[in-house]
Amino acid sequence: MRKVRHKLIQLLNDFVINDDSIINDGYHVRDARCEDDGVLDYLFETIVNADLEMKQDAQFREHVLTVLYRLYQRKPDMKERVD
């Protein structure tokens, strides 16, 4: 299950980083993920509950943070969700 979760976050990360070149006219992936509360809740929950001692999860956390950063760039009012 852990490997699947890592691969899904890696795929989401790739989509979010490259969404402006996937479809020529925009940021469809970022815009759709910004509106998906379930995904946002999962990403924030993942960071909040991260066990920083687990070095093998470092790349996973990096991908999650990159996704959140890219989403924040499209929708800065997300900062209200961060306490």
N, C-alpha and C. Protein backbone atom coordinates (compact mmCIF):
# COMPACT_ATOMS: atom_id res chain seq x y z
N MET A 1 0.82 -1.20 0.00
CA MET A 1 0.00 0.00 0.00
C MET A 1 0.86 1.26 0.00
N ARG A 2 1.96 1.22 0.72
CA ARG A 2 2.84 2.38 0.80
C ARG A 2 3.43 2.73 -0.55
N LYS A 3 3.82 1.72 -1.33
CA LYS A 3 4.38 1.97 -2.65
C LYS A 3 3.36 2.60 -3.58
N VAL A 4 2.13 2.14 -3.49
CA VAL A 4 1.06 2.69 -4.33
C VAL A 4 0.83 4.16 -3.97
N ARG A 5 0.80 4.44 -2.69
CA ARG A 5 0.62 5.82 -2.23
C ARG A 5 1.75 6.72 -2.74
N HIS A 6 2.96 6.23 -2.68
CA HIS A 6 4.11 6.99 -3.17
C HIS A 6 4.00 7.24 -4.67
N LYS A 7 3.63 6.22 -5.41
CA LYS A 7 3.51 6.37 -6.86
C LYS A 7 2.40 7.34 -7.24
N LEU A 8 1.29 7.30 -6.51
CA LEU A 8 0.20 8.22 -6.81
C LEU A 8 0.58 9.68 -6.53
N ILE A 9 1.28 9.90 -5.43
CA ILE A 9 1.75 11.26 -5.13
C ILE A 9 2.79 11.70 -6.15
N GLN A 10 3.65 10.78 -6.57
CA GLN A 10 4.64 11.11 -7.59
C GLN A 10 3.95 11.48 -8.91
N LEU A 11 2.92 10.75 -9.28
CA LEU A 11 2.16 11.05 -10.49
C LEU A 11 1.46 12.41 -10.37
N LEU A 12 0.83 12.67 -9.24
CA LEU A 12 0.18 13.96 -9.02
C LEU A 12 1.21 15.08 -9.09
N ASN A 13 2.36 14.86 -8.50
CA ASN A 13 3.44 15.84 -8.56
C ASN A 13 3.84 16.13 -10.00
N ASP A 14 4.01 15.09 -10.80
CA ASP A 14 4.37 15.28 -12.21
C ASP A 14 3.30 16.05 -12.97
N PHE A 15 2.03 15.72 -12.72
CA PHE A 15 0.93 16.43 -13.37
C PHE A 15 0.90 17.91 -12.97
N VAL A 16 1.08 18.17 -11.69
CA VAL A 16 1.01 19.54 -11.20
C VAL A 16 2.18 20.37 -11.72
N ILE A 17 3.34 19.79 -11.79
CA ILE A 17 4.51 20.51 -12.30
C ILE A 17 4.38 20.81 -13.79
N ASN A 18 3.81 19.87 -14.54
CA ASN A 18 3.79 20.00 -16.00
C ASN A 18 2.42 20.32 -16.58
N ASP A 19 1.45 20.69 -15.75
CA ASP A 19 0.10 20.87 -16.28
C ASP A 19 -0.01 21.99 -17.31
N ASP A 20 0.84 23.00 -17.22
CA ASP A 20 0.78 24.08 -18.21
C ASP A 20 1.25 23.63 -19.59
N SER A 21 1.99 22.54 -19.66
CA SER A 21 2.43 22.04 -20.96
C SER A 21 1.63 20.83 -21.44
N ILE A 22 0.78 20.28 -20.58
CA ILE A 22 -0.06 19.15 -20.98
C ILE A 22 -1.14 19.63 -21.92
N ILE A 23 -1.83 20.68 -21.51
CA ILE A 23 -2.83 21.33 -22.36
C ILE A 23 -2.33 22.75 -22.55
N ASN A 24 -2.27 23.17 -23.77
CA ASN A 24 -1.60 24.41 -24.13
C ASN A 24 -2.15 25.67 -23.46
N ASP A 25 -3.37 25.67 -23.04
CA ASP A 25 -3.96 26.92 -22.59
C ASP A 25 -4.21 27.03 -21.10
N GLY A 26 -3.51 26.29 -20.28
CA GLY A 26 -3.81 26.53 -18.88
C GLY A 26 -3.30 25.55 -17.86
N TYR A 27 -3.89 25.69 -16.71
CA TYR A 27 -3.49 24.97 -15.51
C TYR A 27 -4.65 24.12 -15.00
N HIS A 28 -5.16 23.26 -15.84
CA HIS A 28 -6.35 22.48 -15.51
C HIS A 28 -6.13 21.56 -14.31
N VAL A 29 -4.98 20.94 -14.22
CA VAL A 29 -4.71 20.01 -13.11
C VAL A 29 -4.69 20.78 -11.80
N ARG A 30 -3.96 21.87 -11.75
CA ARG A 30 -3.87 22.66 -10.51
C ARG A 30 -5.23 23.22 -10.11
N ASP A 31 -5.95 23.75 -11.08
CA ASP A 31 -7.26 24.32 -10.77
C ASP A 31 -8.21 23.26 -10.24
N ALA A 32 -8.20 22.08 -10.85
CA ALA A 32 -9.09 21.00 -10.40
C ALA A 32 -8.70 20.51 -9.01
N ARG A 33 -7.41 20.37 -8.73
CA ARG A 33 -6.97 19.91 -7.42
C ARG A 33 -7.22 20.95 -6.34
N CYS A 34 -7.15 22.23 -6.68
CA CYS A 34 -7.44 23.28 -5.70
C CYS A 34 -8.88 23.23 -5.23
N GLU A 35 -9.76 22.73 -6.07
CA GLU A 35 -11.17 22.64 -5.72
C GLU A 35 -11.54 21.31 -5.07
N ASP A 36 -10.62 20.39 -5.02
CA ASP A 36 -10.89 19.06 -4.47
C ASP A 36 -10.49 19.01 -2.99
N ASP A 37 -11.46 19.22 -2.13
CA ASP A 37 -11.18 19.26 -0.69
C ASP A 37 -10.61 17.95 -0.17
N GLY A 38 -11.02 16.83 -0.74
CA GLY A 38 -10.51 15.54 -0.30
C GLY A 38 -9.01 15.42 -0.52
N VAL A 39 -8.55 15.84 -1.68
CA VAL A 39 -7.12 15.78 -1.99
C VAL A 39 -6.36 16.75 -1.10
N LEU A 40 -6.87 17.97 -0.96
CA LEU A 40 -6.19 18.95 -0.11
C LEU A 40 -6.10 18.48 1.33
N ASP A 41 -7.20 17.93 1.84
CA ASP A 41 -7.19 17.40 3.21
C ASP A 41 -6.13 16.31 3.36
N TYR A 42 -6.06 15.41 2.38
CA TYR A 42 -5.09 14.33 2.43
C TYR A 42 -3.66 14.88 2.42
N LEU A 43 -3.39 15.85 1.55
CA LEU A 43 -2.04 16.41 1.45
C LEU A 43 -1.64 17.10 2.75
N PHE A 44 -2.53 17.92 3.30
CA PHE A 44 -2.23 18.60 4.57
C PHE A 44 -2.07 17.60 5.71
N GLU A 45 -2.94 16.62 5.75
CA GLU A 45 -2.88 15.58 6.78
C GLU A 45 -1.56 14.81 6.71
N THR A 46 -1.12 14.53 5.50
CA THR A 46 0.13 13.81 5.29
C THR A 46 1.31 14.58 5.87
N ILE A 47 1.33 15.88 5.63
CA ILE A 47 2.44 16.70 6.14
C ILE A 47 2.36 16.85 7.65
N VAL A 48 1.18 17.07 8.17
CA VAL A 48 1.01 17.25 9.62
C VAL A 48 1.41 15.98 10.37
N ASN A 49 1.05 14.82 9.83
CA ASN A 49 1.30 13.56 10.52
C ASN A 49 2.60 12.88 10.09
N ALA A 50 3.44 13.56 9.36
CA ALA A 50 4.67 12.95 8.86
C ALA A 50 5.62 12.59 10.00
N ASP A 51 6.19 11.41 9.90
CA ASP A 51 7.22 10.98 10.84
C ASP A 51 8.57 11.36 10.23
N LEU A 52 9.13 12.43 10.70
CA LEU A 52 10.36 12.96 10.11
C LEU A 52 11.56 12.06 10.34
N GLU A 53 11.43 11.10 11.22
CA GLU A 53 12.51 10.15 11.48
C GLU A 53 12.63 9.10 10.38
N MET A 54 11.56 8.91 9.61
CA MET A 54 11.57 7.89 8.55
C MET A 54 12.21 8.49 7.28
N LYS A 55 13.47 8.22 7.12
CA LYS A 55 14.22 8.79 6.00
C LYS A 55 13.73 8.29 4.65
N GLN A 56 13.18 7.08 4.60
CA GLN A 56 12.71 6.54 3.32
C GLN A 56 11.47 7.29 2.81
N ASP A 57 10.83 8.07 3.66
CA ASP A 57 9.67 8.85 3.25
C ASP A 57 10.03 10.28 2.87
N ALA A 58 11.29 10.61 2.84
CA ALA A 58 11.71 11.98 2.54
C ALA A 58 11.26 12.42 1.16
N GLN A 59 11.43 11.56 0.16
CA GLN A 59 11.02 11.93 -1.19
C GLN A 59 9.51 12.06 -1.28
N PHE A 60 8.78 11.23 -0.57
CA PHE A 60 7.32 11.31 -0.52
C PHE A 60 6.89 12.67 0.03
N ARG A 61 7.48 13.07 1.15
CA ARG A 61 7.16 14.37 1.75
C ARG A 61 7.53 15.51 0.80
N GLU A 62 8.65 15.37 0.12
CA GLU A 62 9.09 16.38 -0.83
C GLU A 62 8.06 16.55 -1.95
N HIS A 63 7.56 15.44 -2.46
CA HIS A 63 6.53 15.51 -3.52
C HIS A 63 5.25 16.15 -3.00
N VAL A 64 4.85 15.80 -1.80
CA VAL A 64 3.63 16.38 -1.22
C VAL A 64 3.79 17.89 -1.06
N LEU A 65 4.93 18.32 -0.54
CA LEU A 65 5.19 19.74 -0.36
C LEU A 65 5.24 20.48 -1.69
N THR A 66 5.82 19.85 -2.71
CA THR A 66 5.86 20.46 -4.04
C THR A 66 4.46 20.63 -4.60
N VAL A 67 3.63 19.61 -4.44
CA VAL A 67 2.24 19.69 -4.91
C VAL A 67 1.52 20.83 -4.19
N LEU A 68 1.64 20.89 -2.87
CA LEU A 68 0.99 21.95 -2.12
C LEU A 68 1.49 23.33 -2.53
N TYR A 69 2.78 23.46 -2.77
CA TYR A 69 3.34 24.74 -3.20
C TYR A 69 2.78 25.16 -4.55
N ARG A 70 2.73 24.23 -5.50
CA ARG A 70 2.20 24.54 -6.83
C ARG A 70 0.72 24.90 -6.77
N LEU A 71 -0.03 24.21 -5.92
CA LEU A 71 -1.44 24.53 -5.77
C LEU A 71 -1.61 25.91 -5.12
N TYR A 72 -0.77 26.19 -4.16
CA TYR A 72 -0.82 27.50 -3.50
C TYR A 72 -0.52 28.62 -4.48
N GLN A 73 0.37 28.38 -5.43
CA GLN A 73 0.68 29.39 -6.44
C GLN A 73 -0.57 29.77 -7.25
N ARG A 74 -1.43 28.80 -7.51
CA ARG A 74 -2.65 29.05 -8.27
C ARG A 74 -3.77 29.60 -7.40
N LYS A 75 -3.76 29.27 -6.13
CA LYS A 75 -4.86 29.68 -5.24
C LYS A 75 -4.28 30.09 -3.88
N PRO A 76 -3.75 31.31 -3.79
CA PRO A 76 -3.12 31.76 -2.54
C PRO A 76 -4.07 31.80 -1.34
N ASP A 77 -5.37 31.84 -1.56
CA ASP A 77 -6.28 31.86 -0.42
C ASP A 77 -6.36 30.51 0.30
N MET A 78 -5.59 29.54 -0.17
CA MET A 78 -5.47 28.27 0.54
C MET A 78 -4.82 28.45 1.90
N LYS A 79 -4.13 29.56 2.10
CA LYS A 79 -3.43 29.78 3.37
C LYS A 79 -4.41 29.79 4.55
N GLU A 80 -5.69 30.02 4.27
CA GLU A 80 -6.69 29.98 5.34
C GLU A 80 -6.84 28.57 5.90
N ARG A 81 -6.50 27.56 5.11
CA ARG A 81 -6.60 26.16 5.55
C ARG A 81 -5.46 25.77 6.46
N VAL A 82 -4.36 26.52 6.40
CA VAL A 82 -3.18 26.20 7.21
C VAL A 82 -3.26 26.95 8.53
N ASP A 83 -3.23 26.22 9.59
CA ASP A 83 -3.32 26.85 10.93
C ASP A 83 -1.97 26.99 11.56
